[in-house]
Amino acid sequence: MTDDVRNIVLGVIAAGISAALGWIARTHLWRRRLRRKQAFFGLPGNSECLLVVNRDAAGEGSVHRHDVFALLELSALIKDCSAHAQILSHDIAQQGIGERTEFCVGGPVSNRRMAAHLHSLLPGVRINTDPEPGPDRNAFQIGSERYRVEKGVSEYVLLARLSTGQEARPVFLFCGQQAITNQAASRYLARNHERLARKHGNNTFCLLLKVVNSQAYGPDVVELVADVTRAAQAPVPAPRVSHRAGS
């Protein structure tokens, strides 16, 4: 074997070893990222989860198109985790918390299960469900702060990851003042889940997001207003009862 042939053979072998090591390293990193993603969403491979969807108030038995888009965003995340989803309407979803990962979409008016989750897990959140028009319709009350809707201009949505125990599967809430904000929250989660996992780990959190100028930008421009976990989990203080002398 001549020196030139030997050098070519050695070069091919070195290139093959480098390619194999690179493939092994990329595969290791990919698997580690996948495990972190699965842990954050509570979705190990081949597991099952629930997508609980609300009903559009404007149509009997229908789902608002922005909520459909939100389901599509979440379905892609679930597929990436090699898990499977079951879609259920809010009025027939009957299971405990923590048995399977749950993604619950919609406000408490159109989603009974969302109303139950807010009552049980986020007692510090109050949402004005008065059907009559007014400045406080659909407004959020979180602790002492109130967040009103300016339709198409400034709208709010709660994005929460809630867990009831170390081994329990999480519940994700997408509770918005308008349907488009539910889609915005699901898109925000899809884009930022790695950052959220680094910051919060697999713990409970509740974020208040603001969707800016949705009439021009749709669900794409989203601002993080605040982490409201502590205020949302704190029970609302009971109103004081005054006692007059002689009563």
C-alpha atoms as a PDB file:
ATOM      1  CA  MET A   1       0.000   0.000   0.000  1.00  0.00           C
ATOM      2  CA  THR A   2       1.461   3.316  -1.040  1.00  0.00           C
ATOM      3  CA  ASP A   3       1.650   6.311   1.265  1.00  0.00           C
ATOM      4  CA  ASP A   4      -1.030   8.148  -0.712  1.00  0.00           C
ATOM      5  CA  VAL A   5      -3.488   5.265  -0.440  1.00  0.00           C
ATOM      6  CA  ARG A   6      -2.678   4.860   3.261  1.00  0.00           C
ATOM      7  CA  ASN A   7      -3.360   8.555   3.861  1.00  0.00           C
ATOM      8  CA  ILE A   8      -6.664   8.362   1.991  1.00  0.00           C
ATOM      9  CA  VAL A   9      -7.742   5.311   4.015  1.00  0.00           C
ATOM     10  CA  LEU A  10      -6.740   6.941   7.289  1.00  0.00           C
ATOM     11  CA  GLY A  11      -8.589  10.130   6.276  1.00  0.00           C
ATOM     12  CA  VAL A  12     -11.760   8.159   5.497  1.00  0.00           C
ATOM     13  CA  ILE A  13     -11.523   6.313   8.815  1.00  0.00           C
ATOM     14  CA  ALA A  14     -11.000   9.566  10.725  1.00  0.00           C
ATOM     15  CA  ALA A  15     -13.934  11.191   8.955  1.00  0.00           C
ATOM     16  CA  GLY A  16     -16.115   8.183   9.766  1.00  0.00           C
ATOM     17  CA  ILE A  17     -15.119   8.258  13.429  1.00  0.00           C
ATOM     18  CA  SER A  18     -15.780  12.017  13.615  1.00  0.00           C
ATOM     19  CA  ALA A  19     -19.189  11.597  11.977  1.00  0.00           C
ATOM     20  CA  ALA A  20     -20.080   8.743  14.353  1.00  0.00           C
ATOM     21  CA  LEU A  21     -19.025  10.742  17.408  1.00  0.00           C
ATOM     22  CA  GLY A  22     -20.979  13.757  16.156  1.00  0.00           C
ATOM     23  CA  TRP A  23     -24.071  11.610  15.611  1.00  0.00           C
ATOM     24  CA  ILE A  24     -23.752  10.098  19.083  1.00  0.00           C
ATOM     25  CA  ALA A  25     -23.375  13.549  20.652  1.00  0.00           C
ATOM     26  CA  ARG A  26     -26.377  14.969  18.758  1.00  0.00           C
ATOM     27  CA  THR A  27     -28.475  11.939  19.647  1.00  0.00           C
ATOM     28  CA  HIS A  28     -27.531  12.276  23.323  1.00  0.00           C
ATOM     29  CA  LEU A  29     -28.445  15.977  23.360  1.00  0.00           C
ATOM     30  CA  TRP A  30     -31.703  15.312  21.509  1.00  0.00           C
ATOM     31  CA  ARG A  31     -32.685  12.570  23.960  1.00  0.00           C
ATOM     32  CA  ARG A  32     -31.821  14.750  26.946  1.00  0.00           C
ATOM     33  CA  ARG A  33     -33.924  17.625  25.579  1.00  0.00           C
ATOM     34  CA  LEU A  34     -36.762  15.197  24.882  1.00  0.00           C
ATOM     35  CA  ARG A  35     -36.636  13.822  28.443  1.00  0.00           C
ATOM     36  CA  ARG A  36     -36.721  17.362  29.857  1.00  0.00           C
ATOM     37  CA  LYS A  37     -39.653  18.244  27.617  1.00  0.00           C
ATOM     38  CA  GLN A  38     -41.526  15.081  28.564  1.00  0.00           C
ATOM     39  CA  ALA A  39     -40.909  15.754  32.259  1.00  0.00           C
ATOM     40  CA  PHE A  40     -42.116  19.354  32.002  1.00  0.00           C
ATOM     41  CA  PHE A  41     -45.336  18.353  30.247  1.00  0.00           C
ATOM     42  CA  GLY A  42     -45.777  15.132  32.226  1.00  0.00           C
ATOM     43  CA  LEU A  43     -45.826  13.168  28.981  1.00  0.00           C
ATOM     44  CA  PRO A  44     -43.514  10.136  28.949  1.00  0.00           C
ATOM     45  CA  GLY A  45     -43.394   8.170  25.712  1.00  0.00           C
ATOM     46  CA  ASN A  46     -46.678   6.495  24.679  1.00  0.00           C
ATOM     47  CA  SER A  47     -48.564   8.140  27.543  1.00  0.00           C
ATOM     48  CA  GLU A  48     -52.039   9.607  27.166  1.00  0.00           C
ATOM     49  CA  CYS A  49     -53.316  13.075  27.977  1.00  0.00           C
ATOM     50  CA  LEU A  50     -56.526  15.067  27.766  1.00  0.00           C
ATOM     51  CA  LEU A  51     -57.338  18.093  25.646  1.00  0.00           C
ATOM     52  CA  VAL A  52     -60.421  19.642  27.251  1.00  0.00           C
ATOM     53  CA  VAL A  53     -62.100  22.116  24.944  1.00  0.00           C
ATOM     54  CA  ASN A  54     -64.831  24.638  25.589  1.00  0.00           C
ATOM     55  CA  ARG A  55     -67.884  25.451  23.515  1.00  0.00           C
ATOM     56  CA  ASP A  56     -68.288  28.619  21.483  1.00  0.00           C
ATOM     57  CA  ALA A  57     -71.096  30.648  23.021  1.00  0.00           C
ATOM     58  CA  ALA A  58     -72.088  31.873  19.566  1.00  0.00           C
ATOM     59  CA  GLY A  59     -72.731  28.414  18.150  1.00  0.00           C
ATOM     60  CA  GLU A  60     -74.498  25.378  19.584  1.00  0.00           C
ATOM     61  CA  GLY A  61     -71.961  22.608  20.086  1.00  0.00           C
ATOM     62  CA  SER A  62     -69.279  24.359  18.039  1.00  0.00           C
ATOM     63  CA  VAL A  63     -65.703  25.280  18.928  1.00  0.00           C
ATOM     64  CA  HIS A  64     -64.343  28.741  18.164  1.00  0.00           C
ATOM     65  CA  ARG A  65     -61.759  28.682  15.388  1.00  0.00           C
ATOM     66  CA  HIS A  66     -59.088  30.264  17.587  1.00  0.00           C
ATOM     67  CA  ASP A  67     -59.619  27.500  20.145  1.00  0.00           C
ATOM     68  CA  VAL A  68     -59.197  24.968  17.325  1.00  0.00           C
ATOM     69  CA  PHE A  69     -55.889  26.632  16.461  1.00  0.00           C
ATOM     70  CA  ALA A  70     -54.894  26.393  20.127  1.00  0.00           C
ATOM     71  CA  LEU A  71     -55.625  22.655  20.063  1.00  0.00           C
ATOM     72  CA  LEU A  72     -53.442  22.286  16.977  1.00  0.00           C
ATOM     73  CA  GLU A  73     -50.554  24.057  18.723  1.00  0.00           C
ATOM     74  CA  LEU A  74     -50.902  21.743  21.718  1.00  0.00           C
ATOM     75  CA  SER A  75     -51.295  18.631  19.563  1.00  0.00           C
ATOM     76  CA  ALA A  76     -47.908  19.335  17.979  1.00  0.00           C
ATOM     77  CA  LEU A  77     -46.281  19.554  21.431  1.00  0.00           C
ATOM     78  CA  ILE A  78     -47.912  16.298  22.489  1.00  0.00           C
ATOM     79  CA  LYS A  79     -46.759  14.540  19.319  1.00  0.00           C
ATOM     80  CA  ASP A  80     -43.188  15.777  19.875  1.00  0.00           C
ATOM     81  CA  CYS A  81     -43.268  14.024  23.274  1.00  0.00           C
ATOM     82  CA  SER A  82     -44.353  10.751  21.589  1.00  0.00           C
ATOM     83  CA  ALA A  83     -47.607  10.896  23.559  1.00  0.00           C
ATOM     84  CA  HIS A  84     -51.254  10.588  22.559  1.00  0.00           C
ATOM     85  CA  ALA A  85     -54.156  12.980  23.120  1.00  0.00           C
ATOM     86  CA  GLN A  86     -57.846  12.447  23.719  1.00  0.00           C
ATOM     87  CA  ILE A  87     -60.049  15.451  22.961  1.00  0.00           C
ATOM     88  CA  LEU A  88     -63.065  15.871  25.240  1.00  0.00           C
ATOM     89  CA  SER A  89     -65.717  18.515  25.600  1.00  0.00           C
ATOM     90  CA  HIS A  90     -65.661  20.312  28.927  1.00  0.00           C
ATOM     91  CA  ASP A  91     -69.062  18.966  29.970  1.00  0.00           C
ATOM     92  CA  ILE A  92     -68.103  15.286  29.651  1.00  0.00           C
ATOM     93  CA  ALA A  93     -64.522  15.405  30.964  1.00  0.00           C
ATOM     94  CA  GLN A  94     -64.789  13.647  34.320  1.00  0.00           C
ATOM     95  CA  GLN A  95     -61.545  12.536  35.930  1.00  0.00           C
ATOM     96  CA  GLY A  96     -59.471  13.497  38.900  1.00  0.00           C
ATOM     97  CA  ILE A  97     -56.508  15.850  38.846  1.00  0.00           C
ATOM     98  CA  GLY A  98     -53.102  14.273  38.317  1.00  0.00           C
ATOM     99  CA  GLU A  99     -54.132  10.997  36.675  1.00  0.00           C
ATOM    100  CA  ARG A 100     -53.231  12.194  33.191  1.00  0.00           C
ATOM    101  CA  THR A 101     -51.727  15.404  31.909  1.00  0.00           C
ATOM    102  CA  GLU A 102     -54.521  17.789  30.991  1.00  0.00           C
ATOM    103  CA  PHE A 103     -54.634  20.834  28.728  1.00  0.00           C
ATOM    104  CA  CYS A 104     -57.756  22.856  29.472  1.00  0.00           C
ATOM    105  CA  VAL A 105     -58.739  25.622  27.052  1.00  0.00           C
ATOM    106  CA  GLY A 106     -61.292  28.411  27.516  1.00  0.00           C
ATOM    107  CA  GLY A 107     -62.784  30.700  30.140  1.00  0.00           C
ATOM    108  CA  PRO A 108     -65.054  29.635  33.008  1.00  0.00           C
ATOM    109  CA  VAL A 109     -68.241  30.680  31.212  1.00  0.00           C
ATOM    110  CA  SER A 110     -67.759  28.323  28.259  1.00  0.00           C
ATOM    111  CA  ASN A 111     -65.727  25.664  30.087  1.00  0.00           C
ATOM    112  CA  ARG A 112     -67.128  24.152  33.271  1.00  0.00           C
ATOM    113  CA  ARG A 113     -63.945  22.236  33.979  1.00  0.00           C
ATOM    114  CA  MET A 114     -61.939  25.445  33.786  1.00  0.00           C
ATOM    115  CA  ALA A 115     -64.316  26.974  36.338  1.00  0.00           C
ATOM    116  CA  ALA A 116     -63.722  23.981  38.623  1.00  0.00           C
ATOM    117  CA  HIS A 117     -59.933  24.229  38.253  1.00  0.00           C
ATOM    118  CA  LEU A 118     -59.943  27.945  39.049  1.00  0.00           C
ATOM    119  CA  HIS A 119     -62.101  27.379  42.113  1.00  0.00           C
ATOM    120  CA  SER A 120     -59.994  24.480  43.421  1.00  0.00           C
ATOM    121  CA  LEU A 121     -56.455  25.369  42.375  1.00  0.00           C
ATOM    122  CA  LEU A 122     -56.393  29.144  41.815  1.00  0.00           C
ATOM    123  CA  PRO A 123     -58.808  30.570  44.390  1.00  0.00           C
ATOM    124  CA  GLY A 124     -57.190  34.021  44.188  1.00  0.00           C
ATOM    125  CA  VAL A 125     -58.436  34.495  40.612  1.00  0.00           C
ATOM    126  CA  ARG A 126     -61.833  36.050  40.051  1.00  0.00           C
ATOM    127  CA  ILE A 127     -63.300  36.497  36.569  1.00  0.00           C
ATOM    128  CA  ASN A 128     -66.333  38.675  35.922  1.00  0.00           C
ATOM    129  CA  THR A 129     -68.832  36.392  34.182  1.00  0.00           C
ATOM    130  CA  ASP A 130     -71.686  38.898  34.064  1.00  0.00           C
ATOM    131  CA  PRO A 131     -73.342  38.542  30.626  1.00  0.00           C
ATOM    132  CA  GLU A 132     -74.453  42.167  30.626  1.00  0.00           C
ATOM    133  CA  PRO A 133     -72.201  44.615  28.740  1.00  0.00           C
ATOM    134  CA  GLY A 134     -70.004  46.793  30.879  1.00  0.00           C
ATOM    135  CA  PRO A 135     -66.392  47.865  31.441  1.00  0.00           C
ATOM    136  CA  ASP A 136     -65.727  44.969  33.822  1.00  0.00           C
ATOM    137  CA  ARG A 137     -67.190  42.213  31.675  1.00  0.00           C
ATOM    138  CA  ASN A 138     -64.637  39.332  31.487  1.00  0.00           C
ATOM    139  CA  ALA A 139     -62.231  41.338  33.660  1.00  0.00           C
ATOM    140  CA  PHE A 140     -59.667  39.432  35.735  1.00  0.00           C
ATOM    141  CA  GLN A 141     -59.309  40.144  39.437  1.00  0.00           C
ATOM    142  CA  ILE A 142     -56.030  38.715  40.775  1.00  0.00           C
ATOM    143  CA  GLY A 143     -55.302  39.720  44.327  1.00  0.00           C
ATOM    144  CA  SER A 144     -55.879  43.478  44.459  1.00  0.00           C
ATOM    145  CA  GLU A 145     -55.260  44.044  40.729  1.00  0.00           C
ATOM    146  CA  ARG A 146     -57.950  44.216  38.042  1.00  0.00           C
ATOM    147  CA  TYR A 147     -57.312  43.630  34.333  1.00  0.00           C
ATOM    148  CA  ARG A 148     -60.016  44.777  31.933  1.00  0.00           C
ATOM    149  CA  VAL A 149     -60.551  43.838  28.296  1.00  0.00           C
ATOM    150  CA  GLU A 150     -59.946  46.286  25.491  1.00  0.00           C
ATOM    151  CA  LYS A 151     -61.110  44.070  22.659  1.00  0.00           C
ATOM    152  CA  GLY A 152     -58.631  43.908  19.826  1.00  0.00           C
ATOM    153  CA  VAL A 153     -56.245  46.244  21.650  1.00  0.00           C
ATOM    154  CA  SER A 154     -55.294  44.803  25.021  1.00  0.00           C
ATOM    155  CA  GLU A 155     -56.533  41.397  26.173  1.00  0.00           C
ATOM    156  CA  TYR A 156     -55.323  39.127  28.965  1.00  0.00           C
ATOM    157  CA  VAL A 157     -54.898  35.391  29.393  1.00  0.00           C
ATOM    158  CA  LEU A 158     -53.723  33.141  32.214  1.00  0.00           C
ATOM    159  CA  LEU A 159     -51.207  30.432  31.374  1.00  0.00           C
ATOM    160  CA  ALA A 160     -50.760  28.030  34.264  1.00  0.00           C
ATOM    161  CA  ARG A 161     -49.008  24.764  34.999  1.00  0.00           C
ATOM    162  CA  LEU A 162     -50.558  23.246  38.097  1.00  0.00           C
ATOM    163  CA  SER A 163     -49.534  20.126  39.981  1.00  0.00           C
ATOM    164  CA  THR A 164     -51.033  18.580  43.097  1.00  0.00           C
ATOM    165  CA  GLY A 165     -48.102  16.338  44.014  1.00  0.00           C
ATOM    166  CA  GLN A 166     -44.651  15.061  43.133  1.00  0.00           C
ATOM    167  CA  GLU A 167     -45.946  12.073  41.166  1.00  0.00           C
ATOM    168  CA  ALA A 168     -49.089  13.760  39.827  1.00  0.00           C
ATOM    169  CA  ARG A 169     -49.380  14.718  36.174  1.00  0.00           C
ATOM    170  CA  PRO A 170     -49.769  18.480  35.593  1.00  0.00           C
ATOM    171  CA  VAL A 171     -52.790  20.454  34.461  1.00  0.00           C
ATOM    172  CA  PHE A 172     -52.158  23.263  31.966  1.00  0.00           C
ATOM    173  CA  LEU A 173     -54.709  26.080  31.853  1.00  0.00           C
ATOM    174  CA  PHE A 174     -55.254  28.497  28.964  1.00  0.00           C
ATOM    175  CA  CYS A 175     -57.850  30.869  30.350  1.00  0.00           C
ATOM    176  CA  GLY A 176     -58.313  33.982  28.238  1.00  0.00           C
ATOM    177  CA  GLN A 177     -60.673  36.910  28.014  1.00  0.00           C
ATOM    178  CA  GLN A 178     -61.190  36.223  24.292  1.00  0.00           C
ATOM    179  CA  ALA A 179     -60.759  33.075  22.205  1.00  0.00           C
ATOM    180  CA  ILE A 180     -57.774  34.537  20.382  1.00  0.00           C
ATOM    181  CA  THR A 181     -55.931  34.881  23.699  1.00  0.00           C
ATOM    182  CA  ASN A 182     -56.222  31.124  24.281  1.00  0.00           C
ATOM    183  CA  GLN A 183     -54.416  30.567  20.993  1.00  0.00           C
ATOM    184  CA  ALA A 184     -51.835  33.193  21.947  1.00  0.00           C
ATOM    185  CA  ALA A 185     -51.136  31.411  25.255  1.00  0.00           C
ATOM    186  CA  SER A 186     -50.741  28.013  23.592  1.00  0.00           C
ATOM    187  CA  ARG A 187     -48.348  29.531  21.054  1.00  0.00           C
ATOM    188  CA  TYR A 188     -46.419  31.247  23.852  1.00  0.00           C
ATOM    189  CA  LEU A 189     -46.059  27.899  25.628  1.00  0.00           C
ATOM    190  CA  ALA A 190     -44.896  26.179  22.436  1.00  0.00           C
ATOM    191  CA  ARG A 191     -42.234  28.834  21.845  1.00  0.00           C
ATOM    192  CA  ASN A 192     -41.058  29.233  25.431  1.00  0.00           C
ATOM    193  CA  HIS A 193     -41.455  25.865  27.144  1.00  0.00           C
ATOM    194  CA  GLU A 194     -37.686  25.312  27.416  1.00  0.00           C
ATOM    195  CA  ARG A 195     -37.191  28.667  29.136  1.00  0.00           C
ATOM    196  CA  LEU A 196     -40.175  28.050  31.400  1.00  0.00           C
ATOM    197  CA  ALA A 197     -38.833  24.607  32.317  1.00  0.00           C
ATOM    198  CA  ARG A 198     -35.435  26.078  33.213  1.00  0.00           C
ATOM    199  CA  LYS A 199     -37.046  28.761  35.390  1.00  0.00           C
ATOM    200  CA  HIS A 200     -39.835  26.811  37.066  1.00  0.00           C
ATOM    201  CA  GLY A 201     -38.727  23.196  36.710  1.00  0.00           C
ATOM    202  CA  ASN A 202     -41.688  20.869  37.144  1.00  0.00           C
ATOM    203  CA  ASN A 203     -43.327  23.128  39.717  1.00  0.00           C
ATOM    204  CA  THR A 204     -46.594  25.027  39.673  1.00  0.00           C
ATOM    205  CA  PHE A 205     -46.686  28.463  38.066  1.00  0.00           C
ATOM    206  CA  CYS A 206     -49.319  30.902  36.856  1.00  0.00           C
ATOM    207  CA  LEU A 207     -48.425  33.641  34.371  1.00  0.00           C
ATOM    208  CA  LEU A 208     -50.489  36.601  33.287  1.00  0.00           C
ATOM    209  CA  LEU A 209     -49.944  37.401  29.606  1.00  0.00           C
ATOM    210  CA  LYS A 210     -51.185  40.348  27.575  1.00  0.00           C
ATOM    211  CA  VAL A 211     -52.064  40.003  23.892  1.00  0.00           C
ATOM    212  CA  VAL A 212     -51.295  43.310  22.197  1.00  0.00           C
ATOM    213  CA  ASN A 213     -53.295  44.684  19.257  1.00  0.00           C
ATOM    214  CA  SER A 214     -54.783  41.359  18.191  1.00  0.00           C
ATOM    215  CA  GLN A 215     -56.903  43.103  15.564  1.00  0.00           C
ATOM    216  CA  ALA A 216     -53.669  43.835  13.654  1.00  0.00           C
ATOM    217  CA  TYR A 217     -51.226  41.146  14.817  1.00  0.00           C
ATOM    218  CA  GLY A 218     -53.494  38.258  15.741  1.00  0.00           C
ATOM    219  CA  PRO A 219     -52.099  36.004  18.505  1.00  0.00           C
ATOM    220  CA  ASP A 220     -48.428  36.696  17.754  1.00  0.00           C
ATOM    221  CA  VAL A 221     -47.586  39.711  19.951  1.00  0.00           C
ATOM    222  CA  VAL A 222     -47.660  38.575  23.561  1.00  0.00           C
ATOM    223  CA  GLU A 223     -46.159  40.251  26.618  1.00  0.00           C
ATOM    224  CA  LEU A 224     -45.505  38.683  29.999  1.00  0.00           C
ATOM    225  CA  VAL A 225     -47.228  40.967  32.502  1.00  0.00           C
ATOM    226  CA  ALA A 226     -46.346  39.147  35.714  1.00  0.00           C
ATOM    227  CA  ASP A 227     -45.853  35.860  37.480  1.00  0.00           C
ATOM    228  CA  VAL A 228     -49.025  35.814  39.594  1.00  0.00           C
ATOM    229  CA  THR A 229     -48.586  32.363  41.112  1.00  0.00           C
ATOM    230  CA  ARG A 230     -48.610  33.501  44.732  1.00  0.00           C
ATOM    231  CA  ALA A 231     -51.586  35.856  44.375  1.00  0.00           C
ATOM    232  CA  ALA A 232     -53.567  33.343  42.293  1.00  0.00           C
ATOM    233  CA  GLN A 233     -53.102  30.581  44.854  1.00  0.00           C
ATOM    234  CA  ALA A 234     -53.887  32.741  47.879  1.00  0.00           C
ATOM    235  CA  PRO A 235     -57.537  32.556  48.956  1.00  0.00           C
ATOM    236  CA  VAL A 236     -59.499  35.743  48.567  1.00  0.00           C
ATOM    237  CA  PRO A 237     -60.012  37.270  52.020  1.00  0.00           C
ATOM    238  CA  ALA A 238     -63.549  37.140  53.324  1.00  0.00           C
ATOM    239  CA  PRO A 239     -65.343  40.484  53.417  1.00  0.00           C
ATOM    240  CA  ARG A 240     -65.364  42.188  56.779  1.00  0.00           C
ATOM    241  CA  VAL A 241     -68.662  42.410  58.582  1.00  0.00           C
ATOM    242  CA  SER A 242     -69.075  45.587  60.618  1.00  0.00           C
ATOM    243  CA  HIS A 243     -70.928  45.358  63.917  1.00  0.00           C
ATOM    244  CA  ARG A 244     -72.582  48.565  65.071  1.00  0.00           C
ATOM    245  CA  ALA A 245     -72.993  49.278  68.697  1.00  0.00           C
ATOM    246  CA  GLY A 246     -76.350  48.246  69.984  1.00  0.00           C
ATOM    247  CA  SER A 247     -77.111  45.960  67.043  1.00  0.00           C
END
